[in-house]
C-alpha atoms as a PDB file:
ATOM      1  CA  UNK A   1     -17.295   5.500 -28.588  1.00  0.00           C
ATOM      2  CA  UNK A   2     -15.452   7.998 -26.425  1.00  0.00           C
ATOM      3  CA  UNK A   3     -16.475   6.111 -23.272  1.00  0.00           C
ATOM      4  CA  UNK A   4     -15.134   2.871 -24.767  1.00  0.00           C
ATOM      5  CA  UNK A   5     -11.831   4.596 -25.530  1.00  0.00           C
ATOM      6  CA  UNK A   6     -11.528   5.972 -21.986  1.00  0.00           C
ATOM      7  CA  UNK A   7     -12.301   2.581 -20.435  1.00  0.00           C
ATOM      8  CA  UNK A   8      -9.829   0.852 -22.774  1.00  0.00           C
ATOM      9  CA  UNK A   9      -7.059   3.325 -21.939  1.00  0.00           C
ATOM     10  CA  UNK A  10      -7.646   2.892 -18.207  1.00  0.00           C
ATOM     11  CA  UNK A  11      -7.615  -0.888 -18.475  1.00  0.00           C
ATOM     12  CA  UNK A  12      -4.358  -0.786 -20.427  1.00  0.00           C
ATOM     13  CA  UNK A  13      -2.787   1.522 -17.828  1.00  0.00           C
ATOM     14  CA  UNK A  14      -3.882  -0.657 -14.936  1.00  0.00           C
ATOM     15  CA  UNK A  15      -2.921  -3.971 -16.520  1.00  0.00           C
ATOM     16  CA  UNK A  16       0.475  -2.747 -17.783  1.00  0.00           C
ATOM     17  CA  UNK A  17       1.356  -1.321 -14.363  1.00  0.00           C
ATOM     18  CA  UNK A  18       0.278  -4.507 -12.593  1.00  0.00           C
ATOM     19  CA  UNK A  19       2.320  -6.686 -14.949  1.00  0.00           C
ATOM     20  CA  UNK A  20       5.364  -4.484 -14.337  1.00  0.00           C
ATOM     21  CA  UNK A  21       4.798  -4.818 -10.594  1.00  0.00           C
ATOM     22  CA  UNK A  22       4.786  -8.608 -10.859  1.00  0.00           C
ATOM     23  CA  UNK A  23       7.740  -8.685 -13.243  1.00  0.00           C
ATOM     24  CA  UNK A  24       9.973  -6.396 -11.202  1.00  0.00           C
ATOM     25  CA  UNK A  25       9.015  -8.217  -7.995  1.00  0.00           C
ATOM     26  CA  UNK A  26      10.241 -11.442  -9.606  1.00  0.00           C
ATOM     27  CA  UNK A  27      13.337  -9.609 -10.845  1.00  0.00           C
ATOM     28  CA  UNK A  28      14.261  -9.064  -7.194  1.00  0.00           C
ATOM     29  CA  UNK A  29      13.573 -12.742  -6.449  1.00  0.00           C
ATOM     30  CA  UNK A  30      10.356 -11.792  -4.704  1.00  0.00           C
ATOM     31  CA  UNK A  31      11.728 -10.966  -1.287  1.00  0.00           C
ATOM     32  CA  UNK A  32      14.073  -8.239  -2.567  1.00  0.00           C
ATOM     33  CA  UNK A  33      11.748  -7.035  -5.303  1.00  0.00           C
ATOM     34  CA  UNK A  34       8.385  -6.576  -3.626  1.00  0.00           C
ATOM     35  CA  UNK A  35       9.198  -3.326  -1.793  1.00  0.00           C
ATOM     36  CA  UNK A  36      10.845  -1.341  -4.645  1.00  0.00           C
ATOM     37  CA  UNK A  37       8.286  -2.690  -7.133  1.00  0.00           C
ATOM     38  CA  UNK A  38       5.424  -1.588  -4.894  1.00  0.00           C
ATOM     39  CA  UNK A  39       7.019   1.832  -4.395  1.00  0.00           C
ATOM     40  CA  UNK A  40       7.317   2.152  -8.184  1.00  0.00           C
ATOM     41  CA  UNK A  41       3.672   1.150  -8.629  1.00  0.00           C
ATOM     42  CA  UNK A  42       2.531   3.719  -6.061  1.00  0.00           C
ATOM     43  CA  UNK A  43       4.652   6.335  -7.842  1.00  0.00           C
ATOM     44  CA  UNK A  44       2.654   5.660 -11.002  1.00  0.00           C
ATOM     45  CA  UNK A  45      -0.786   5.672  -9.356  1.00  0.00           C
ATOM     46  CA  UNK A  46       0.104   8.842  -7.442  1.00  0.00           C
ATOM     47  CA  UNK A  47       0.502  10.613 -10.783  1.00  0.00           C
ATOM     48  CA  UNK A  48      -2.903   9.343 -11.845  1.00  0.00           C
ATOM     49  CA  UNK A  49      -4.496  10.777  -8.704  1.00  0.00           C
ATOM     50  CA  UNK A  50      -2.893  14.096  -9.680  1.00  0.00           C
ATOM     51  CA  UNK A  51      -4.499  13.876 -13.167  1.00  0.00           C
ATOM     52  CA  UNK A  52      -1.138  13.212 -14.793  1.00  0.00           C
ATOM     53  CA  UNK A  53      -2.170  10.450 -17.178  1.00  0.00           C
ATOM     54  CA  UNK A  54       0.577  11.041 -19.725  1.00  0.00           C
ATOM     55  CA  UNK A  55       3.470  10.017 -17.484  1.00  0.00           C
ATOM     56  CA  UNK A  56       5.511   7.254 -19.183  1.00  0.00           C
ATOM     57  CA  UNK A  57       4.747   4.109 -17.205  1.00  0.00           C
ATOM     58  CA  UNK A  58       7.708   1.945 -18.232  1.00  0.00           C
ATOM     59  CA  UNK A  59      10.489   4.498 -17.746  1.00  0.00           C
ATOM     60  CA  UNK A  60       8.979   5.882 -14.528  1.00  0.00           C
ATOM     61  CA  UNK A  61       8.550   2.401 -13.085  1.00  0.00           C
ATOM     62  CA  UNK A  62      12.042   1.213 -14.037  1.00  0.00           C
ATOM     63  CA  UNK A  63      13.786   4.379 -12.808  1.00  0.00           C
ATOM     64  CA  UNK A  64      11.918   4.415  -9.494  1.00  0.00           C
ATOM     65  CA  UNK A  65      12.507   0.698  -8.907  1.00  0.00           C
ATOM     66  CA  UNK A  66      16.287   0.906  -9.149  1.00  0.00           C
ATOM     67  CA  UNK A  67      16.523   4.302  -7.448  1.00  0.00           C
ATOM     68  CA  UNK A  68      14.515   3.212  -4.396  1.00  0.00           C
ATOM     69  CA  UNK A  69      15.714  -0.398  -4.248  1.00  0.00           C
ATOM     70  CA  UNK A  70      18.065  -0.050  -1.274  1.00  0.00           C
ATOM     71  CA  UNK A  71      16.060   2.357   0.886  1.00  0.00           C
ATOM     72  CA  UNK A  72      12.717   0.633   0.350  1.00  0.00           C
ATOM     73  CA  UNK A  73      14.235  -2.747   1.173  1.00  0.00           C
ATOM     74  CA  UNK A  74      15.673  -1.379   4.420  1.00  0.00           C
ATOM     75  CA  UNK A  75      12.165  -0.330   5.431  1.00  0.00           C
ATOM     76  CA  UNK A  76      10.938  -3.700   4.204  1.00  0.00           C
ATOM     77  CA  UNK A  77      13.271  -5.462   6.640  1.00  0.00           C
ATOM     78  CA  UNK A  78      11.772  -3.450   9.511  1.00  0.00           C
ATOM     79  CA  UNK A  79       8.211  -4.307   8.492  1.00  0.00           C
ATOM     80  CA  UNK A  80       9.158  -7.963   7.920  1.00  0.00           C
ATOM     81  CA  UNK A  81      10.659  -8.320  11.400  1.00  0.00           C
ATOM     82  CA  UNK A  82       7.605  -6.718  13.009  1.00  0.00           C
ATOM     83  CA  UNK A  83       5.314  -8.932  10.926  1.00  0.00           C
ATOM     84  CA  UNK A  84       7.171 -12.104  11.944  1.00  0.00           C
ATOM     85  CA  UNK A  85       7.025 -11.051  15.606  1.00  0.00           C
ATOM     86  CA  UNK A  86       3.254 -10.480  15.433  1.00  0.00           C
ATOM     87  CA  UNK A  87       2.671 -13.736  13.553  1.00  0.00           C
ATOM     88  CA  UNK A  88       4.590 -15.757  16.139  1.00  0.00           C
ATOM     89  CA  UNK A  89       2.794 -14.035  19.017  1.00  0.00           C
ATOM     90  CA  UNK A  90      -0.606 -14.646  17.416  1.00  0.00           C
ATOM     91  CA  UNK A  91       0.237 -18.302  16.816  1.00  0.00           C
ATOM     92  CA  UNK A  92       1.495 -18.716  20.382  1.00  0.00           C
ATOM     93  CA  UNK A  93      -1.557 -17.064  21.961  1.00  0.00           C
ATOM     94  CA  UNK A  94      -3.865 -19.254  19.827  1.00  0.00           C
ATOM     95  CA  UNK A  95      -2.389 -22.377  21.382  1.00  0.00           C
ATOM     96  CA  UNK A  96      -2.857 -21.141  24.948  1.00  0.00           C
ATOM     97  CA  UNK A  97      -6.034 -21.640  26.973  1.00  0.00           C
ATOM     98  CA  UNK A  98      -7.890 -19.480  29.479  1.00  0.00           C
ATOM     99  CA  UNK A  99      -8.948 -15.859  29.718  1.00  0.00           C
ATOM    100  CA  UNK A 100      -5.417 -14.480  29.582  1.00  0.00           C
ATOM    101  CA  UNK A 101      -4.760 -16.300  26.305  1.00  0.00           C
ATOM    102  CA  UNK A 102      -7.925 -14.746  24.834  1.00  0.00           C
ATOM    103  CA  UNK A 103      -6.770 -11.314  26.009  1.00  0.00           C
ATOM    104  CA  UNK A 104      -3.355 -11.852  24.415  1.00  0.00           C
ATOM    105  CA  UNK A 105      -4.908 -13.065  21.166  1.00  0.00           C
ATOM    106  CA  UNK A 106      -7.207 -10.044  20.870  1.00  0.00           C
ATOM    107  CA  UNK A 107      -4.330  -7.721  21.800  1.00  0.00           C
ATOM    108  CA  UNK A 108      -2.004  -9.087  19.114  1.00  0.00           C
ATOM    109  CA  UNK A 109      -4.869  -9.228  16.604  1.00  0.00           C
ATOM    110  CA  UNK A 110      -5.491  -5.498  17.099  1.00  0.00           C
ATOM    111  CA  UNK A 111      -1.757  -4.851  16.769  1.00  0.00           C
ATOM    112  CA  UNK A 112      -1.743  -6.871  13.537  1.00  0.00           C
ATOM    113  CA  UNK A 113      -4.574  -4.778  12.087  1.00  0.00           C
ATOM    114  CA  UNK A 114      -2.685  -1.591  12.992  1.00  0.00           C
ATOM    115  CA  UNK A 115       0.430  -3.129  11.440  1.00  0.00           C
ATOM    116  CA  UNK A 116      -1.289  -3.762   8.092  1.00  0.00           C
ATOM    117  CA  UNK A 117      -2.811  -0.272   8.106  1.00  0.00           C
ATOM    118  CA  UNK A 118       0.627   1.186   8.856  1.00  0.00           C
ATOM    119  CA  UNK A 119       2.049  -0.742   5.904  1.00  0.00           C
ATOM    120  CA  UNK A 120      -0.791   0.496   3.681  1.00  0.00           C
ATOM    121  CA  UNK A 121      -0.086   4.125   4.605  1.00  0.00           C
ATOM    122  CA  UNK A 122       3.677   3.723   4.227  1.00  0.00           C
ATOM    123  CA  UNK A 123       3.724   3.547   0.425  1.00  0.00           C
ATOM    124  CA  UNK A 124       1.654   6.707  -0.208  1.00  0.00           C
ATOM    125  CA  UNK A 125       3.794   8.581   2.329  1.00  0.00           C
ATOM    126  CA  UNK A 126       6.982   7.272   0.731  1.00  0.00           C
ATOM    127  CA  UNK A 127       6.110   8.523  -2.755  1.00  0.00           C
ATOM    128  CA  UNK A 128       4.618  11.811  -1.540  1.00  0.00           C
ATOM    129  CA  UNK A 129       7.163  13.043   1.027  1.00  0.00           C
ATOM    130  CA  UNK A 130      10.881  12.877   1.765  1.00  0.00           C
ATOM    131  CA  UNK A 131      11.513  11.600   5.297  1.00  0.00           C
ATOM    132  CA  UNK A 132      14.080   9.544   7.147  1.00  0.00           C
ATOM    133  CA  UNK A 133      13.298   5.835   7.498  1.00  0.00           C
ATOM    134  CA  UNK A 134      12.373   6.358  11.151  1.00  0.00           C
ATOM    135  CA  UNK A 135      10.013   9.207  10.239  1.00  0.00           C
ATOM    136  CA  UNK A 136       8.354   7.141   7.505  1.00  0.00           C
ATOM    137  CA  UNK A 137       7.511   4.425  10.030  1.00  0.00           C
ATOM    138  CA  UNK A 138       6.394   6.989  12.603  1.00  0.00           C
ATOM    139  CA  UNK A 139       4.164   8.888  10.159  1.00  0.00           C
ATOM    140  CA  UNK A 140       2.706   5.655   8.774  1.00  0.00           C
ATOM    141  CA  UNK A 141       1.732   4.562  12.276  1.00  0.00           C
ATOM    142  CA  UNK A 142       0.239   7.980  13.003  1.00  0.00           C
ATOM    143  CA  UNK A 143      -1.966   7.869   9.910  1.00  0.00           C
ATOM    144  CA  UNK A 144      -2.983   4.277  10.677  1.00  0.00           C
ATOM    145  CA  UNK A 145      -4.590   5.319  13.964  1.00  0.00           C
ATOM    146  CA  UNK A 146      -5.398   9.007  13.438  1.00  0.00           C
ATOM    147  CA  UNK A 147      -8.516   9.037  11.264  1.00  0.00           C
ATOM    148  CA  UNK A 148     -11.227   6.438  11.847  1.00  0.00           C
ATOM    149  CA  UNK A 149     -13.343   7.812   8.982  1.00  0.00           C
ATOM    150  CA  UNK A 150     -10.569   7.492   6.394  1.00  0.00           C
ATOM    151  CA  UNK A 151      -9.651   4.038   7.669  1.00  0.00           C
ATOM    152  CA  UNK A 152     -13.256   2.810   7.406  1.00  0.00           C
ATOM    153  CA  UNK A 153     -13.544   4.139   3.834  1.00  0.00           C
ATOM    154  CA  UNK A 154     -10.167   2.599   3.002  1.00  0.00           C
ATOM    155  CA  UNK A 155     -11.135  -0.807   4.407  1.00  0.00           C
ATOM    156  CA  UNK A 156     -14.550  -0.791   2.740  1.00  0.00           C
ATOM    157  CA  UNK A 157     -12.969  -0.131  -0.647  1.00  0.00           C
ATOM    158  CA  UNK A 158     -10.315  -2.812  -0.138  1.00  0.00           C
ATOM    159  CA  UNK A 159     -13.008  -5.270   0.959  1.00  0.00           C
ATOM    160  CA  UNK A 160     -14.978  -4.651  -2.243  1.00  0.00           C
ATOM    161  CA  UNK A 161     -11.834  -5.044  -4.353  1.00  0.00           C
ATOM    162  CA  UNK A 162     -10.957  -8.232  -2.479  1.00  0.00           C
ATOM    163  CA  UNK A 163     -14.486  -9.560  -3.050  1.00  0.00           C
ATOM    164  CA  UNK A 164     -14.218  -8.837  -6.783  1.00  0.00           C
ATOM    165  CA  UNK A 165     -10.828 -10.545  -7.074  1.00  0.00           C
ATOM    166  CA  UNK A 166     -11.971 -13.636  -5.172  1.00  0.00           C
ATOM    167  CA  UNK A 167     -15.076 -13.915  -7.332  1.00  0.00           C
ATOM    168  CA  UNK A 168     -13.062 -13.462 -10.529  1.00  0.00           C
ATOM    169  CA  UNK A 169      -9.571 -14.816  -9.669  1.00  0.00           C
ATOM    170  CA  UNK A 170      -8.527 -14.520 -13.298  1.00  0.00           C
ATOM    171  CA  UNK A 171      -8.244 -10.756 -12.728  1.00  0.00           C
ATOM    172  CA  UNK A 172      -5.550 -11.133 -10.042  1.00  0.00           C
ATOM    173  CA  UNK A 173      -2.526 -11.276 -12.413  1.00  0.00           C
ATOM    174  CA  UNK A 174      -3.807  -8.183 -14.215  1.00  0.00           C
ATOM    175  CA  UNK A 175      -5.358  -6.037 -11.460  1.00  0.00           C
ATOM    176  CA  UNK A 176      -4.485  -7.712  -8.147  1.00  0.00           C
ATOM    177  CA  UNK A 177      -1.892  -5.164  -7.081  1.00  0.00           C
ATOM    178  CA  UNK A 178      -2.747  -1.995  -8.942  1.00  0.00           C
ATOM    179  CA  UNK A 179      -6.435  -1.762  -7.960  1.00  0.00           C
ATOM    180  CA  UNK A 180      -5.789  -1.822  -4.183  1.00  0.00           C
ATOM    181  CA  UNK A 181      -2.834   0.553  -4.574  1.00  0.00           C
ATOM    182  CA  UNK A 182      -4.900   3.020  -6.612  1.00  0.00           C
ATOM    183  CA  UNK A 183      -7.654   2.994  -3.987  1.00  0.00           C
ATOM    184  CA  UNK A 184      -5.195   3.424  -1.112  1.00  0.00           C
ATOM    185  CA  UNK A 185      -3.405   6.255  -2.921  1.00  0.00           C
ATOM    186  CA  UNK A 186      -6.679   8.032  -3.720  1.00  0.00           C
ATOM    187  CA  UNK A 187      -7.794   8.020  -0.074  1.00  0.00           C
ATOM    188  CA  UNK A 188      -4.346   9.039   1.168  1.00  0.00           C
ATOM    189  CA  UNK A 189      -3.939  11.912  -1.299  1.00  0.00           C
ATOM    190  CA  UNK A 190      -7.235  13.400  -0.130  1.00  0.00           C
ATOM    191  CA  UNK A 191      -6.044  13.071   3.448  1.00  0.00           C
ATOM    192  CA  UNK A 192      -2.628  14.586   2.678  1.00  0.00           C
ATOM    193  CA  UNK A 193      -4.159  17.562   0.859  1.00  0.00           C
ATOM    194  CA  UNK A 194      -6.541  18.189   3.744  1.00  0.00           C
ATOM    195  CA  UNK A 195      -3.717  18.077   6.292  1.00  0.00           C
ATOM    196  CA  UNK A 196      -1.501  20.344   4.173  1.00  0.00           C
ATOM    197  CA  UNK A 197      -4.361  22.821   3.752  1.00  0.00           C
ATOM    198  CA  UNK A 198      -4.996  22.878   7.502  1.00  0.00           C
ATOM    199  CA  UNK A 199      -1.291  23.430   8.132  1.00  0.00           C
ATOM    200  CA  UNK A 200      -1.216  26.398   5.743  1.00  0.00           C
ATOM    201  CA  UNK A 201      -4.310  27.900   7.395  1.00  0.00           C
ATOM    202  CA  UNK A 202      -2.768  27.567  10.863  1.00  0.00           C
ATOM    203  CA  UNK A 203       0.454  29.186   9.701  1.00  0.00           C
END
């Protein structure tokens, strides 16, 4: 009975947070809502990784969304421009022929993978630390290439989540955003704590 209650509470938390993420993304007409809504979602899941399960989801989400709307969208513009650049370069190199075109394609493919990892690390960094926009991008890139072990674990977990969601697409509206974000935040918090501990020891 207790196990059923725990599972039910977790499902309600996850589903409610995911629905808020979708709703507030639509509130910003998608393009202007996705960044602050995702920051708000990561703010919630960060508290869960810190064993703070009593944090009010609605008020925390709403407050964070409007508070971080401008700054998160500025970072979003930077990531969007980089993403468009990589997409165009990948598309262009695909249409070319010869060895050099293959080299270019692989090069931009690797850059694209680093780009998505950088974006994945950005949100945990954003809700955990206070940096300038430039430093957020710099630190996100650093974490995206600094630890192969953490990246492999991160990608394996996201692959399993992606497999689950593709096999049961009906779960996407309820868990499609919050499950990946919770996994990413869990891995990142362990990494952050380890780095902070090492810094304290060195000092």
